[in-house]
Amino acid sequence: MDPLQSAIRTMLEQLGENPERQGLRKTPERVAASMKFLTQGYHRDVEAEIGDAVFDSDNREMVLVRDIDFYSLCEHHMLPFFGRAHVAYLPDGKIVGLSKLARVVDVFGRRLQVQENLTTQIAQCLQDHLNPKGVAVVIEAQHLCMMMRGVEKQNSLTVTSEMVGEFRDNASTRAEFLNLIARRFG
């Protein structure tokens, strides 16, 4: 048995369960596979994900991909948190394929995380790879560690932001970004 499966079997025993009962026999295998999927970000390389999708461009206007669904696991309780990420940058000679913004969110989201660090990691990655005039990331998420246990607040929403460069230094640029993510189109 793989060490992760063995640990899950031990956890079941410590919880007072019988890992040999019919419904639990394959649970260690299933949970191990699930955890490997949910934390695949540790085995994904941001460099490879962005790859050769960085292109020269004269575009100077904001590029925004809004409402990027993501799923992550709280590093404190290993319970899911999930929501939407809004990611923007101001090009300075380089643009990146739009799907790469979603892939960057996934690479960092599919790790044990806290939302505050996830937000910063996404912004820093884009700053490092594109060297734009600015990067903005806002994440809105629900945390099952707050909903299922502890304070049990089902309607709470956590919002974090990271503003770099022009998004931090220029109030009108920041306001444009915040207005665009607040607007509902269609």
C-alpha atoms as a PDB file:
ATOM      1  CA  MET A   1       0.000   0.000   0.000  1.00  0.00           C
ATOM      2  CA  ASP A   2       1.296   3.420  -0.907  1.00  0.00           C
ATOM      3  CA  PRO A   3       2.282   5.583   2.116  1.00  0.00           C
ATOM      4  CA  LEU A   4      -0.535   8.070   1.527  1.00  0.00           C
ATOM      5  CA  GLN A   5      -3.120   5.286   1.371  1.00  0.00           C
ATOM      6  CA  SER A   6      -1.658   3.802   4.541  1.00  0.00           C
ATOM      7  CA  ALA A   7      -1.925   7.159   6.309  1.00  0.00           C
ATOM      8  CA  ILE A   8      -5.562   7.493   5.250  1.00  0.00           C
ATOM      9  CA  ARG A   9      -6.279   3.974   6.496  1.00  0.00           C
ATOM     10  CA  THR A  10      -4.698   4.905   9.847  1.00  0.00           C
ATOM     11  CA  MET A  11      -6.782   8.091   9.944  1.00  0.00           C
ATOM     12  CA  LEU A  12      -9.964   6.050   9.434  1.00  0.00           C
ATOM     13  CA  GLU A  13      -8.947   3.756  12.291  1.00  0.00           C
ATOM     14  CA  GLN A  14      -8.166   6.738  14.543  1.00  0.00           C
ATOM     15  CA  LEU A  15     -11.624   8.143  13.794  1.00  0.00           C
ATOM     16  CA  GLY A  16     -13.117   4.897  15.088  1.00  0.00           C
ATOM     17  CA  GLU A  17     -13.976   3.439  11.698  1.00  0.00           C
ATOM     18  CA  ASN A  18     -13.305  -0.019  10.334  1.00  0.00           C
ATOM     19  CA  PRO A  19     -11.399   0.379   7.050  1.00  0.00           C
ATOM     20  CA  GLU A  20     -12.402  -3.186   6.141  1.00  0.00           C
ATOM     21  CA  ARG A  21     -16.137  -2.527   6.091  1.00  0.00           C
ATOM     22  CA  GLN A  22     -17.663  -2.643   2.621  1.00  0.00           C
ATOM     23  CA  GLY A  23     -18.103   1.102   2.097  1.00  0.00           C
ATOM     24  CA  LEU A  24     -14.566   1.939   3.248  1.00  0.00           C
ATOM     25  CA  ARG A  25     -12.441  -0.819   1.676  1.00  0.00           C
ATOM     26  CA  LYS A  26     -11.342   1.334  -1.259  1.00  0.00           C
ATOM     27  CA  THR A  27     -11.544   4.675   0.553  1.00  0.00           C
ATOM     28  CA  PRO A  28      -7.783   4.962   1.208  1.00  0.00           C
ATOM     29  CA  GLU A  29      -7.117   4.443  -2.500  1.00  0.00           C
ATOM     30  CA  ARG A  30      -9.855   6.879  -3.565  1.00  0.00           C
ATOM     31  CA  VAL A  31      -8.842   9.587  -1.063  1.00  0.00           C
ATOM     32  CA  ALA A  32      -5.163   9.269  -2.011  1.00  0.00           C
ATOM     33  CA  ALA A  33      -6.037   9.688  -5.711  1.00  0.00           C
ATOM     34  CA  SER A  34      -8.288  12.635  -4.860  1.00  0.00           C
ATOM     35  CA  MET A  35      -5.593  14.363  -2.783  1.00  0.00           C
ATOM     36  CA  LYS A  36      -3.032  13.883  -5.539  1.00  0.00           C
ATOM     37  CA  PHE A  37      -5.432  15.490  -8.019  1.00  0.00           C
ATOM     38  CA  LEU A  38      -6.362  18.347  -5.680  1.00  0.00           C
ATOM     39  CA  THR A  39      -2.699  19.162  -5.004  1.00  0.00           C
ATOM     40  CA  GLN A  40      -1.353  18.649  -8.527  1.00  0.00           C
ATOM     41  CA  GLY A  41      -0.076  22.236  -8.496  1.00  0.00           C
ATOM     42  CA  TYR A  42       3.017  21.010  -6.653  1.00  0.00           C
ATOM     43  CA  HIS A  43       3.932  18.985  -9.751  1.00  0.00           C
ATOM     44  CA  ARG A  44       3.081  21.596 -12.374  1.00  0.00           C
ATOM     45  CA  ASP A  45       5.725  24.040 -13.537  1.00  0.00           C
ATOM     46  CA  VAL A  46       4.588  27.620 -14.154  1.00  0.00           C
ATOM     47  CA  GLU A  47       7.313  28.025 -16.780  1.00  0.00           C
ATOM     48  CA  ALA A  48       5.943  25.057 -18.707  1.00  0.00           C
ATOM     49  CA  GLU A  49       2.342  26.220 -18.283  1.00  0.00           C
ATOM     50  CA  ILE A  50       3.109  29.646 -19.757  1.00  0.00           C
ATOM     51  CA  GLY A  51       5.510  28.118 -22.253  1.00  0.00           C
ATOM     52  CA  ASP A  52       5.933  30.018 -25.491  1.00  0.00           C
ATOM     53  CA  ALA A  53       2.610  31.867 -25.171  1.00  0.00           C
ATOM     54  CA  VAL A  54       4.284  35.228 -24.450  1.00  0.00           C
ATOM     55  CA  PHE A  55       4.100  37.482 -27.497  1.00  0.00           C
ATOM     56  CA  ASP A  56       5.453  40.892 -28.462  1.00  0.00           C
ATOM     57  CA  SER A  57       2.701  43.500 -28.599  1.00  0.00           C
ATOM     58  CA  ASP A  58       2.223  47.245 -28.797  1.00  0.00           C
ATOM     59  CA  ASN A  59      -0.969  46.950 -26.760  1.00  0.00           C
ATOM     60  CA  ARG A  60      -0.914  49.243 -23.735  1.00  0.00           C
ATOM     61  CA  GLU A  61      -4.500  48.725 -22.538  1.00  0.00           C
ATOM     62  CA  MET A  62      -5.601  46.587 -19.627  1.00  0.00           C
ATOM     63  CA  VAL A  63      -5.991  42.859 -20.229  1.00  0.00           C
ATOM     64  CA  LEU A  64      -8.490  41.291 -17.815  1.00  0.00           C
ATOM     65  CA  VAL A  65      -9.753  37.754 -17.418  1.00  0.00           C
ATOM     66  CA  ARG A  66     -12.588  37.850 -14.955  1.00  0.00           C
ATOM     67  CA  ASP A  67     -14.469  35.110 -13.100  1.00  0.00           C
ATOM     68  CA  ILE A  68     -11.814  32.377 -13.307  1.00  0.00           C
ATOM     69  CA  ASP A  69     -13.269  29.531 -11.237  1.00  0.00           C
ATOM     70  CA  PHE A  70     -10.776  27.880  -8.910  1.00  0.00           C
ATOM     71  CA  TYR A  71     -10.653  25.252  -6.170  1.00  0.00           C
ATOM     72  CA  SER A  72      -8.035  24.976  -3.468  1.00  0.00           C
ATOM     73  CA  LEU A  73      -7.451  23.383  -0.074  1.00  0.00           C
ATOM     74  CA  CYS A  74      -6.941  25.389   3.092  1.00  0.00           C
ATOM     75  CA  GLU A  75      -3.500  24.582   4.455  1.00  0.00           C
ATOM     76  CA  HIS A  76      -4.751  24.890   8.036  1.00  0.00           C
ATOM     77  CA  HIS A  77      -7.623  22.382   7.864  1.00  0.00           C
ATOM     78  CA  MET A  78      -7.206  20.712   4.448  1.00  0.00           C
ATOM     79  CA  LEU A  79     -10.801  21.631   3.652  1.00  0.00           C
ATOM     80  CA  PRO A  80     -11.769  23.172   0.310  1.00  0.00           C
ATOM     81  CA  PHE A  81     -12.086  26.824  -0.473  1.00  0.00           C
ATOM     82  CA  PHE A  82     -13.333  27.889  -3.853  1.00  0.00           C
ATOM     83  CA  GLY A  83     -14.429  30.903  -5.790  1.00  0.00           C
ATOM     84  CA  ARG A  84     -13.419  33.216  -8.572  1.00  0.00           C
ATOM     85  CA  ALA A  85     -10.233  35.001  -9.450  1.00  0.00           C
ATOM     86  CA  HIS A  86     -10.079  38.219 -11.465  1.00  0.00           C
ATOM     87  CA  VAL A  87      -6.659  38.761 -13.049  1.00  0.00           C
ATOM     88  CA  ALA A  88      -5.496  41.816 -15.010  1.00  0.00           C
ATOM     89  CA  TYR A  89      -2.253  43.282 -16.275  1.00  0.00           C
ATOM     90  CA  LEU A  90      -1.091  46.342 -18.175  1.00  0.00           C
ATOM     91  CA  PRO A  91       1.202  45.175 -21.001  1.00  0.00           C
ATOM     92  CA  ASP A  92       4.568  46.772 -21.569  1.00  0.00           C
ATOM     93  CA  GLY A  93       5.662  45.195 -24.840  1.00  0.00           C
ATOM     94  CA  LYS A  94       4.497  41.656 -23.984  1.00  0.00           C
ATOM     95  CA  ILE A  95       1.149  39.878 -23.784  1.00  0.00           C
ATOM     96  CA  VAL A  96       0.346  36.300 -22.800  1.00  0.00           C
ATOM     97  CA  GLY A  97      -2.259  33.864 -24.095  1.00  0.00           C
ATOM     98  CA  LEU A  98      -5.480  34.412 -22.136  1.00  0.00           C
ATOM     99  CA  SER A  99      -5.804  30.766 -21.099  1.00  0.00           C
ATOM    100  CA  LYS A 100      -2.401  31.048 -19.442  1.00  0.00           C
ATOM    101  CA  LEU A 101      -3.866  33.418 -16.846  1.00  0.00           C
ATOM    102  CA  ALA A 102      -6.339  30.704 -15.852  1.00  0.00           C
ATOM    103  CA  ARG A 103      -3.554  28.114 -15.821  1.00  0.00           C
ATOM    104  CA  VAL A 104      -1.470  30.258 -13.463  1.00  0.00           C
ATOM    105  CA  VAL A 105      -4.470  30.451 -11.113  1.00  0.00           C
ATOM    106  CA  ASP A 106      -4.768  26.649 -11.253  1.00  0.00           C
ATOM    107  CA  VAL A 107      -1.070  25.964 -10.659  1.00  0.00           C
ATOM    108  CA  PHE A 108      -1.059  27.933  -7.411  1.00  0.00           C
ATOM    109  CA  GLY A 109      -4.628  27.035  -6.436  1.00  0.00           C
ATOM    110  CA  ARG A 110      -4.014  23.293  -6.619  1.00  0.00           C
ATOM    111  CA  ARG A 111      -1.776  23.355  -3.561  1.00  0.00           C
ATOM    112  CA  LEU A 112      -2.379  23.611   0.163  1.00  0.00           C
ATOM    113  CA  GLN A 113      -2.967  27.343   0.442  1.00  0.00           C
ATOM    114  CA  VAL A 114      -4.253  30.360   2.247  1.00  0.00           C
ATOM    115  CA  GLN A 115      -6.164  32.782   0.059  1.00  0.00           C
ATOM    116  CA  GLU A 116      -3.898  35.699   0.929  1.00  0.00           C
ATOM    117  CA  ASN A 117      -0.809  33.879  -0.385  1.00  0.00           C
ATOM    118  CA  LEU A 118      -2.619  32.542  -3.447  1.00  0.00           C
ATOM    119  CA  THR A 119      -3.528  36.097  -4.469  1.00  0.00           C
ATOM    120  CA  THR A 120       0.058  37.315  -4.081  1.00  0.00           C
ATOM    121  CA  GLN A 121       1.597  34.299  -5.840  1.00  0.00           C
ATOM    122  CA  ILE A 122      -0.561  34.805  -8.941  1.00  0.00           C
ATOM    123  CA  ALA A 123       0.308  38.505  -9.132  1.00  0.00           C
ATOM    124  CA  GLN A 124       4.031  37.928  -8.553  1.00  0.00           C
ATOM    125  CA  CYS A 125       4.181  35.188 -11.180  1.00  0.00           C
ATOM    126  CA  LEU A 126       2.684  37.455 -13.838  1.00  0.00           C
ATOM    127  CA  GLN A 127       4.928  40.333 -12.815  1.00  0.00           C
ATOM    128  CA  ASP A 128       7.988  38.075 -13.086  1.00  0.00           C
ATOM    129  CA  HIS A 129       7.056  36.557 -16.462  1.00  0.00           C
ATOM    130  CA  LEU A 130       5.632  39.562 -18.314  1.00  0.00           C
ATOM    131  CA  ASN A 131       7.269  42.541 -16.612  1.00  0.00           C
ATOM    132  CA  PRO A 132       4.098  44.557 -17.242  1.00  0.00           C
ATOM    133  CA  LYS A 133       3.353  48.071 -16.051  1.00  0.00           C
ATOM    134  CA  GLY A 134       1.109  46.544 -13.431  1.00  0.00           C
ATOM    135  CA  VAL A 135      -0.787  43.495 -12.246  1.00  0.00           C
ATOM    136  CA  ALA A 136      -4.045  43.255 -10.318  1.00  0.00           C
ATOM    137  CA  VAL A 137      -5.570  40.151  -8.764  1.00  0.00           C
ATOM    138  CA  VAL A 138      -8.777  39.961  -6.754  1.00  0.00           C
ATOM    139  CA  ILE A 139     -10.017  36.657  -5.375  1.00  0.00           C
ATOM    140  CA  GLU A 140     -13.459  36.052  -3.905  1.00  0.00           C
ATOM    141  CA  ALA A 141     -13.864  32.715  -2.133  1.00  0.00           C
ATOM    142  CA  GLN A 142     -15.952  30.660   0.227  1.00  0.00           C
ATOM    143  CA  HIS A 143     -14.086  28.579   2.791  1.00  0.00           C
ATOM    144  CA  LEU A 144     -15.546  25.313   4.012  1.00  0.00           C
ATOM    145  CA  CYS A 145     -13.344  25.582   7.109  1.00  0.00           C
ATOM    146  CA  MET A 146     -15.507  28.580   8.066  1.00  0.00           C
ATOM    147  CA  MET A 147     -18.756  27.058   6.845  1.00  0.00           C
ATOM    148  CA  MET A 148     -18.631  23.455   8.110  1.00  0.00           C
ATOM    149  CA  ARG A 149     -16.732  23.909  11.368  1.00  0.00           C
ATOM    150  CA  GLY A 150     -15.509  26.669  13.648  1.00  0.00           C
ATOM    151  CA  VAL A 151     -17.738  29.733  13.294  1.00  0.00           C
ATOM    152  CA  GLU A 152     -20.101  27.986  10.822  1.00  0.00           C
ATOM    153  CA  LYS A 153     -20.883  31.067   8.729  1.00  0.00           C
ATOM    154  CA  GLN A 154     -22.391  29.729   5.496  1.00  0.00           C
ATOM    155  CA  ASN A 155     -22.783  33.069   3.741  1.00  0.00           C
ATOM    156  CA  SER A 156     -19.336  34.498   4.380  1.00  0.00           C
ATOM    157  CA  LEU A 157     -17.209  35.513   1.410  1.00  0.00           C
ATOM    158  CA  THR A 158     -13.516  36.315   1.708  1.00  0.00           C
ATOM    159  CA  VAL A 159     -12.046  38.861  -0.705  1.00  0.00           C
ATOM    160  CA  THR A 160      -8.315  39.424  -1.144  1.00  0.00           C
ATOM    161  CA  SER A 161      -6.445  41.676  -3.553  1.00  0.00           C
ATOM    162  CA  GLU A 162      -2.932  42.302  -4.727  1.00  0.00           C
ATOM    163  CA  MET A 163      -2.108  45.408  -6.749  1.00  0.00           C
ATOM    164  CA  VAL A 164       1.315  45.890  -8.340  1.00  0.00           C
ATOM    165  CA  GLY A 165       2.757  48.808 -10.293  1.00  0.00           C
ATOM    166  CA  GLU A 166       0.205  51.075 -11.987  1.00  0.00           C
ATOM    167  CA  PHE A 167      -2.684  49.323 -10.251  1.00  0.00           C
ATOM    168  CA  ARG A 168      -1.189  50.290  -6.900  1.00  0.00           C
ATOM    169  CA  ASP A 169       0.171  53.703  -7.849  1.00  0.00           C
ATOM    170  CA  ASN A 170      -2.558  55.050 -10.141  1.00  0.00           C
ATOM    171  CA  ALA A 171      -5.996  55.498  -8.580  1.00  0.00           C
ATOM    172  CA  SER A 172      -7.801  55.755 -11.934  1.00  0.00           C
ATOM    173  CA  THR A 173      -6.241  52.511 -13.220  1.00  0.00           C
ATOM    174  CA  ARG A 174      -7.186  50.746  -9.995  1.00  0.00           C
ATOM    175  CA  ALA A 175     -10.732  52.182 -10.195  1.00  0.00           C
ATOM    176  CA  GLU A 176     -11.113  51.046 -13.824  1.00  0.00           C
ATOM    177  CA  PHE A 177     -10.115  47.502 -12.842  1.00  0.00           C
ATOM    178  CA  LEU A 178     -12.443  47.415  -9.839  1.00  0.00           C
ATOM    179  CA  ASN A 179     -15.305  48.789 -11.938  1.00  0.00           C
ATOM    180  CA  LEU A 180     -14.761  46.142 -14.628  1.00  0.00           C
ATOM    181  CA  ILE A 181     -14.822  43.253 -12.153  1.00  0.00           C
ATOM    182  CA  ALA A 182     -17.916  44.648 -10.422  1.00  0.00           C
ATOM    183  CA  ARG A 183     -19.898  45.048 -13.660  1.00  0.00           C
ATOM    184  CA  ARG A 184     -22.047  42.203 -14.867  1.00  0.00           C
ATOM    185  CA  PHE A 185     -22.187  41.959 -18.639  1.00  0.00           C
ATOM    186  CA  GLY A 186     -24.993  40.354 -20.636  1.00  0.00           C
END
